[in-house]
């Protein structure tokens, strides 16, 4: 299992060295690791939350303007 911490959207290259794969009985599995890449994209739910936040901010701003004037 691989786990990555991300700092934003985009692509990143991966380089592997000294790779050792084992099966369930801890026997070595022969593999060739040529590298790869990871692409980070926001989940659709993230877009929904951003949209809800922007709509709420607009409602609050509109209420503040109507209370002032």
PDB file of N, CA and C in Angstrom:
ATOM      1  N   UNK A   1       0.844  -1.171   0.000  1.00  0.00           N
ATOM      2  CA  UNK A   1       0.000   0.000   0.000  1.00  0.00           C
ATOM      3  C   UNK A   1       0.889   1.234   0.000  1.00  0.00           C
ATOM      4  N   UNK A   2       0.505   2.212  -0.807  1.00  0.00           N
ATOM      5  CA  UNK A   2       1.229   3.473  -0.886  1.00  0.00           C
ATOM      6  C   UNK A   2       0.356   4.573  -0.300  1.00  0.00           C
ATOM      7  N   UNK A   3       0.985   5.509   0.366  1.00  0.00           N
ATOM      8  CA  UNK A   3       0.273   6.660   0.910  1.00  0.00           C
ATOM      9  C   UNK A   3       1.051   7.916   0.532  1.00  0.00           C
ATOM     10  N   UNK A   4       0.321   8.944   0.093  1.00  0.00           N
ATOM     11  CA  UNK A   4       0.958  10.179  -0.328  1.00  0.00           C
ATOM     12  C   UNK A   4       0.308  11.354   0.391  1.00  0.00           C
ATOM     13  N   UNK A   5       1.116  12.308   0.811  1.00  0.00           N
ATOM     14  CA  UNK A   5       0.620  13.585   1.321  1.00  0.00           C
ATOM     15  C   UNK A   5       0.756  14.586   0.182  1.00  0.00           C
ATOM     16  N   UNK A   6      -0.321  15.300  -0.122  1.00  0.00           N
ATOM     17  CA  UNK A   6      -0.288  16.233  -1.237  1.00  0.00           C
ATOM     18  C   UNK A   6      -0.399  17.662  -0.754  1.00  0.00           C
ATOM     19  N   UNK A   7       0.121  18.557  -1.554  1.00  0.00           N
ATOM     20  CA  UNK A   7       0.076  19.981  -1.241  1.00  0.00           C
ATOM     21  C   UNK A   7      -0.766  20.751  -2.237  1.00  0.00           C
ATOM     22  N   UNK A   8      -1.305  20.071  -3.231  1.00  0.00           N
ATOM     23  CA  UNK A   8      -2.126  20.728  -4.238  1.00  0.00           C
ATOM     24  C   UNK A   8      -2.370  19.801  -5.411  1.00  0.00           C
ATOM     25  N   UNK A   9      -3.082  20.315  -6.387  1.00  0.00           N
ATOM     26  CA  UNK A   9      -3.388  19.542  -7.585  1.00  0.00           C
ATOM     27  C   UNK A   9      -2.188  19.508  -8.504  1.00  0.00           C
ATOM     28  N   UNK A  10      -2.110  18.486  -9.331  1.00  0.00           N
ATOM     29  CA  UNK A  10      -1.055  18.420 -10.328  1.00  0.00           C
ATOM     30  C   UNK A  10      -0.518  17.013 -10.494  1.00  0.00           C
ATOM     31  N   UNK A  11       0.598  16.912 -11.200  1.00  0.00           N
ATOM     32  CA  UNK A  11       1.254  15.644 -11.481  1.00  0.00           C
ATOM     33  C   UNK A  11       2.614  15.615 -10.809  1.00  0.00           C
ATOM     34  N   UNK A  12       3.052  14.425 -10.442  1.00  0.00           N
ATOM     35  CA  UNK A  12       4.374  14.256  -9.850  1.00  0.00           C
ATOM     36  C   UNK A  12       4.960  12.941 -10.341  1.00  0.00           C
ATOM     37  N   UNK A  13       6.238  12.960 -10.674  1.00  0.00           N
ATOM     38  CA  UNK A  13       6.925  11.748 -11.114  1.00  0.00           C
ATOM     39  C   UNK A  13       7.345  10.928  -9.905  1.00  0.00           C
ATOM     40  N   UNK A  14       7.367   9.620 -10.073  1.00  0.00           N
ATOM     41  CA  UNK A  14       7.813   8.718  -9.021  1.00  0.00           C
ATOM     42  C   UNK A  14       9.052   7.973  -9.494  1.00  0.00           C
ATOM     43  N   UNK A  15       9.993   7.793  -8.604  1.00  0.00           N
ATOM     44  CA  UNK A  15      11.177   6.997  -8.891  1.00  0.00           C
ATOM     45  C   UNK A  15      11.323   5.957  -7.798  1.00  0.00           C
ATOM     46  N   UNK A  16      11.549   4.712  -8.191  1.00  0.00           N
ATOM     47  CA  UNK A  16      11.697   3.623  -7.232  1.00  0.00           C
ATOM     48  C   UNK A  16      13.136   3.128  -7.244  1.00  0.00           C
ATOM     49  N   UNK A  17      13.666   2.802  -6.058  1.00  0.00           N
ATOM     50  CA  UNK A  17      14.981   2.184  -5.965  1.00  0.00           C
ATOM     51  C   UNK A  17      14.958   1.187  -4.817  1.00  0.00           C
ATOM     52  N   UNK A  18      15.747   0.149  -4.942  1.00  0.00           N
ATOM     53  CA  UNK A  18      15.825  -0.904  -3.924  1.00  0.00           C
ATOM     54  C   UNK A  18      14.445  -1.424  -3.550  1.00  0.00           C
ATOM     55  N   UNK A  19      13.669  -1.806  -4.561  1.00  0.00           N
ATOM     56  CA  UNK A  19      12.301  -2.264  -4.347  1.00  0.00           C
ATOM     57  C   UNK A  19      12.312  -3.755  -4.020  1.00  0.00           C
ATOM     58  N   UNK A  20      11.584  -4.141  -2.990  1.00  0.00           N
ATOM     59  CA  UNK A  20      11.472  -5.544  -2.594  1.00  0.00           C
ATOM     60  C   UNK A  20      10.001  -5.860  -2.385  1.00  0.00           C
ATOM     61  N   UNK A  21       9.476  -6.781  -3.175  1.00  0.00           N
ATOM     62  CA  UNK A  21       8.093  -7.215  -3.044  1.00  0.00           C
ATOM     63  C   UNK A  21       8.072  -8.600  -2.423  1.00  0.00           C
ATOM     64  N   UNK A  22       7.172  -8.799  -1.465  1.00  0.00           N
ATOM     65  CA  UNK A  22       7.049 -10.083  -0.782  1.00  0.00           C
ATOM     66  C   UNK A  22       5.623 -10.579  -0.870  1.00  0.00           C
ATOM     67  N   UNK A  23       5.459 -11.912  -0.915  1.00  0.00           N
ATOM     68  CA  UNK A  23       4.116 -12.477  -0.889  1.00  0.00           C
ATOM     69  C   UNK A  23       3.686 -12.681   0.564  1.00  0.00           C
ATOM     70  N   UNK A  24       2.522 -13.301   0.770  1.00  0.00           N
ATOM     71  CA  UNK A  24       1.970 -13.474   2.116  1.00  0.00           C
ATOM     72  C   UNK A  24       2.864 -14.335   3.005  1.00  0.00           C
ATOM     73  N   UNK A  25       3.700 -15.184   2.396  1.00  0.00           N
ATOM     74  CA  UNK A  25       4.607 -16.046   3.168  1.00  0.00           C
ATOM     75  C   UNK A  25       6.011 -15.465   3.243  1.00  0.00           C
ATOM     76  N   UNK A  26       6.131 -14.182   2.892  1.00  0.00           N
ATOM     77  CA  UNK A  26       7.383 -13.431   2.917  1.00  0.00           C
ATOM     78  C   UNK A  26       8.425 -13.975   1.950  1.00  0.00           C
ATOM     79  N   UNK A  27       7.985 -14.616   0.867  1.00  0.00           N
ATOM     80  CA  UNK A  27       8.876 -15.021  -0.208  1.00  0.00           C
ATOM     81  C   UNK A  27       8.996 -13.861  -1.189  1.00  0.00           C
ATOM     82  N   UNK A  28      10.203 -13.650  -1.686  1.00  0.00           N
ATOM     83  CA  UNK A  28      10.435 -12.535  -2.601  1.00  0.00           C
ATOM     84  C   UNK A  28       9.750 -12.767  -3.948  1.00  0.00           C
ATOM     85  N   UNK A  29       9.159 -11.709  -4.476  1.00  0.00           N
ATOM     86  CA  UNK A  29       8.512 -11.725  -5.781  1.00  0.00           C
ATOM     87  C   UNK A  29       9.378 -10.884  -6.711  1.00  0.00           C
ATOM     88  N   UNK A  30       9.768 -11.450  -7.859  1.00  0.00           N
ATOM     89  CA  UNK A  30      10.598 -10.719  -8.820  1.00  0.00           C
ATOM     90  C   UNK A  30       9.738  -9.700  -9.572  1.00  0.00           C
ATOM     91  N   UNK A  31      10.133  -8.438  -9.509  1.00  0.00           N
ATOM     92  CA  UNK A  31       9.420  -7.369 -10.207  1.00  0.00           C
ATOM     93  C   UNK A  31      10.427  -6.400 -10.805  1.00  0.00           C
ATOM     94  N   UNK A  32       9.970  -5.637 -11.775  1.00  0.00           N
ATOM     95  CA  UNK A  32      10.759  -4.548 -12.337  1.00  0.00           C
ATOM     96  C   UNK A  32       9.967  -3.275 -12.099  1.00  0.00           C
ATOM     97  N   UNK A  33      10.554  -2.322 -11.381  1.00  0.00           N
ATOM     98  CA  UNK A  33       9.898  -1.045 -11.092  1.00  0.00           C
ATOM     99  C   UNK A  33      10.518   0.018 -11.984  1.00  0.00           C
ATOM    100  N   UNK A  34       9.783   0.424 -13.005  1.00  0.00           N
ATOM    101  CA  UNK A  34      10.285   1.407 -13.958  1.00  0.00           C
ATOM    102  C   UNK A  34       9.894   2.833 -13.610  1.00  0.00           C
ATOM    103  N   UNK A  35       9.260   3.043 -12.491  1.00  0.00           N
ATOM    104  CA  UNK A  35       8.816   4.380 -12.125  1.00  0.00           C
ATOM    105  C   UNK A  35       7.357   4.563 -12.477  1.00  0.00           C
ATOM    106  N   UNK A  36       6.882   5.741 -12.348  1.00  0.00           N
ATOM    107  CA  UNK A  36       5.486   6.017 -12.628  1.00  0.00           C
ATOM    108  C   UNK A  36       5.170   7.449 -12.289  1.00  0.00           C
ATOM    109  N   UNK A  37       3.900   7.728 -12.151  1.00  0.00           N
ATOM    110  CA  UNK A  37       3.491   9.080 -11.793  1.00  0.00           C
ATOM    111  C   UNK A  37       2.217   9.031 -10.977  1.00  0.00           C
ATOM    112  N   UNK A  38       1.970  10.107 -10.282  1.00  0.00           N
ATOM    113  CA  UNK A  38       0.765  10.265  -9.475  1.00  0.00           C
ATOM    114  C   UNK A  38       0.080  11.537  -9.926  1.00  0.00           C
ATOM    115  N   UNK A  39      -1.219  11.467 -10.129  1.00  0.00           N
ATOM    116  CA  UNK A  39      -1.983  12.657 -10.494  1.00  0.00           C
ATOM    117  C   UNK A  39      -2.964  12.936  -9.370  1.00  0.00           C
ATOM    118  N   UNK A  40      -2.936  14.137  -8.851  1.00  0.00           N
ATOM    119  CA  UNK A  40      -3.806  14.541  -7.747  1.00  0.00           C
ATOM    120  C   UNK A  40      -4.880  15.461  -8.291  1.00  0.00           C
ATOM    121  N   UNK A  41      -6.127  15.081  -8.109  1.00  0.00           N
ATOM    122  CA  UNK A  41      -7.267  15.903  -8.523  1.00  0.00           C
ATOM    123  C   UNK A  41      -8.252  15.972  -7.370  1.00  0.00           C
ATOM    124  N   UNK A  42      -8.926  17.096  -7.217  1.00  0.00           N
ATOM    125  CA  UNK A  42      -9.918  17.180  -6.149  1.00  0.00           C
ATOM    126  C   UNK A  42     -11.100  16.269  -6.437  1.00  0.00           C
ATOM    127  N   UNK A  43     -11.682  15.754  -5.384  1.00  0.00           N
ATOM    128  CA  UNK A  43     -12.859  14.904  -5.518  1.00  0.00           C
ATOM    129  C   UNK A  43     -14.072  15.768  -5.850  1.00  0.00           C
ATOM    130  N   UNK A  44     -15.073  15.207  -6.550  1.00  0.00           N
ATOM    131  CA  UNK A  44     -16.279  15.983  -6.862  1.00  0.00           C
ATOM    132  C   UNK A  44     -16.941  16.565  -5.616  1.00  0.00           C
ATOM    133  N   UNK A  45     -16.880  15.869  -4.515  1.00  0.00           N
ATOM    134  CA  UNK A  45     -17.447  16.378  -3.263  1.00  0.00           C
ATOM    135  C   UNK A  45     -16.776  17.665  -2.815  1.00  0.00           C
ATOM    136  N   UNK A  46     -15.476  17.799  -3.114  1.00  0.00           N
ATOM    137  CA  UNK A  46     -14.754  19.024  -2.753  1.00  0.00           C
ATOM    138  C   UNK A  46     -15.320  20.215  -3.498  1.00  0.00           C
ATOM    139  N   UNK A  47     -15.631  20.022  -4.794  1.00  0.00           N
ATOM    140  CA  UNK A  47     -16.229  21.109  -5.570  1.00  0.00           C
ATOM    141  C   UNK A  47     -17.581  21.503  -4.991  1.00  0.00           C
ATOM    142  N   UNK A  48     -18.354  20.518  -4.567  1.00  0.00           N
ATOM    143  CA  UNK A  48     -19.656  20.794  -3.977  1.00  0.00           C
ATOM    144  C   UNK A  48     -19.504  21.606  -2.700  1.00  0.00           C
ATOM    145  N   UNK A  49     -18.563  21.233  -1.845  1.00  0.00           N
ATOM    146  CA  UNK A  49     -18.347  21.973  -0.603  1.00  0.00           C
ATOM    147  C   UNK A  49     -17.877  23.404  -0.870  1.00  0.00           C
ATOM    148  N   UNK A  50     -17.014  23.568  -1.856  1.00  0.00           N
ATOM    149  CA  UNK A  50     -16.566  24.921  -2.204  1.00  0.00           C
ATOM    150  C   UNK A  50     -17.740  25.757  -2.693  1.00  0.00           C
ATOM    151  N   UNK A  51     -18.600  25.166  -3.531  1.00  0.00           N
ATOM    152  CA  UNK A  51     -19.777  25.876  -4.030  1.00  0.00           C
ATOM    153  C   UNK A  51     -20.723  26.278  -2.918  1.00  0.00           C
ATOM    154  N   UNK A  52     -20.958  25.374  -1.975  1.00  0.00           N
ATOM    155  CA  UNK A  52     -21.832  25.683  -0.838  1.00  0.00           C
ATOM    156  C   UNK A  52     -21.228  26.808  -0.002  1.00  0.00           C
ATOM    157  N   UNK A  53     -19.930  26.762   0.210  1.00  0.00           N
ATOM    158  CA  UNK A  53     -19.262  27.815   0.985  1.00  0.00           C
ATOM    159  C   UNK A  53     -19.358  29.170   0.308  1.00  0.00           C
ATOM    160  N   UNK A  54     -19.173  29.194  -1.008  1.00  0.00           N
ATOM    161  CA  UNK A  54     -19.286  30.464  -1.738  1.00  0.00           C
ATOM    162  C   UNK A  54     -20.707  31.000  -1.710  1.00  0.00           C
ATOM    163  N   UNK A  55     -21.689  30.109  -1.844  1.00  0.00           N
ATOM    164  CA  UNK A  55     -23.091  30.546  -1.790  1.00  0.00           C
ATOM    165  C   UNK A  55     -23.422  31.100  -0.407  1.00  0.00           C
ATOM    166  N   UNK A  56     -22.968  30.444   0.637  1.00  0.00           N
ATOM    167  CA  UNK A  56     -23.220  30.918   1.996  1.00  0.00           C
ATOM    168  C   UNK A  56     -22.560  32.271   2.231  1.00  0.00           C
ATOM    169  N   UNK A  57     -21.344  32.444   1.732  1.00  0.00           N
ATOM    170  CA  UNK A  57     -20.657  33.730   1.892  1.00  0.00           C
ATOM    171  C   UNK A  57     -21.425  34.835   1.171  1.00  0.00           C
ATOM    172  N   UNK A  58     -21.988  34.525  -0.008  1.00  0.00           N
ATOM    173  CA  UNK A  58     -22.781  35.508  -0.735  1.00  0.00           C
ATOM    174  C   UNK A  58     -24.040  35.893   0.018  1.00  0.00           C
ATOM    175  N   UNK A  59     -24.705  34.924   0.641  1.00  0.00           N
ATOM    176  CA  UNK A  59     -25.918  35.205   1.416  1.00  0.00           C
ATOM    177  C   UNK A  59     -25.584  36.086   2.615  1.00  0.00           C
ATOM    178  N   UNK A  60     -24.507  35.761   3.309  1.00  0.00           N
ATOM    179  CA  UNK A  60     -24.101  36.560   4.480  1.00  0.00           C
ATOM    180  C   UNK A  60     -23.781  37.986   4.049  1.00  0.00           C
ATOM    181  N   UNK A  61     -23.065  38.137   2.953  1.00  0.00           N
ATOM    182  CA  UNK A  61     -22.706  39.477   2.480  1.00  0.00           C
ATOM    183  C   UNK A  61     -23.947  40.279   2.088  1.00  0.00           C
ATOM    184  N   UNK A  62     -24.884  39.616   1.419  1.00  0.00           N
ATOM    185  CA  UNK A  62     -26.121  40.297   1.016  1.00  0.00           C
ATOM    186  C   UNK A  62     -26.909  40.749   2.250  1.00  0.00           C
ATOM    187  N   UNK A  63     -26.976  39.914   3.264  1.00  0.00           N
ATOM    188  CA  UNK A  63     -27.699  40.283   4.496  1.00  0.00           C
ATOM    189  C   UNK A  63     -27.028  41.443   5.209  1.00  0.00           C
ATOM    190  N   UNK A  64     -25.695  41.445   5.192  1.00  0.00           N
ATOM    191  CA  UNK A  64     -24.987  42.560   5.842  1.00  0.00           C
ATOM    192  C   UNK A  64     -25.241  43.867   5.118  1.00  0.00           C
ATOM    193  N   UNK A  65     -25.293  43.834   3.789  1.00  0.00           N
ATOM    194  CA  UNK A  65     -25.557  45.043   3.008  1.00  0.00           C
ATOM    195  C   UNK A  65     -26.982  45.557   3.248  1.00  0.00           C
ATOM    196  N   UNK A  66     -27.948  44.633   3.316  1.00  0.00           N
ATOM    197  CA  UNK A  66     -29.327  45.080   3.520  1.00  0.00           C
ATOM    198  C   UNK A  66     -29.538  45.591   4.927  1.00  0.00           C
ATOM    199  N   UNK A  67     -28.807  45.106   5.890  1.00  0.00           N
ATOM    200  CA  UNK A  67     -28.926  45.591   7.276  1.00  0.00           C
ATOM    201  C   UNK A  67     -28.319  46.978   7.422  1.00  0.00           C
ATOM    202  N   UNK A  68     -27.301  47.302   6.618  1.00  0.00           N
ATOM    203  CA  UNK A  68     -26.635  48.599   6.690  1.00  0.00           C
ATOM    204  C   UNK A  68     -27.431  49.692   5.978  1.00  0.00           C
ATOM    205  N   UNK A  69     -28.148  49.326   4.942  1.00  0.00           N
ATOM    206  CA  UNK A  69     -28.774  50.349   4.108  1.00  0.00           C
ATOM    207  C   UNK A  69     -30.208  50.414   4.274  1.00  0.00           C
TER     208      UNK A  69
END
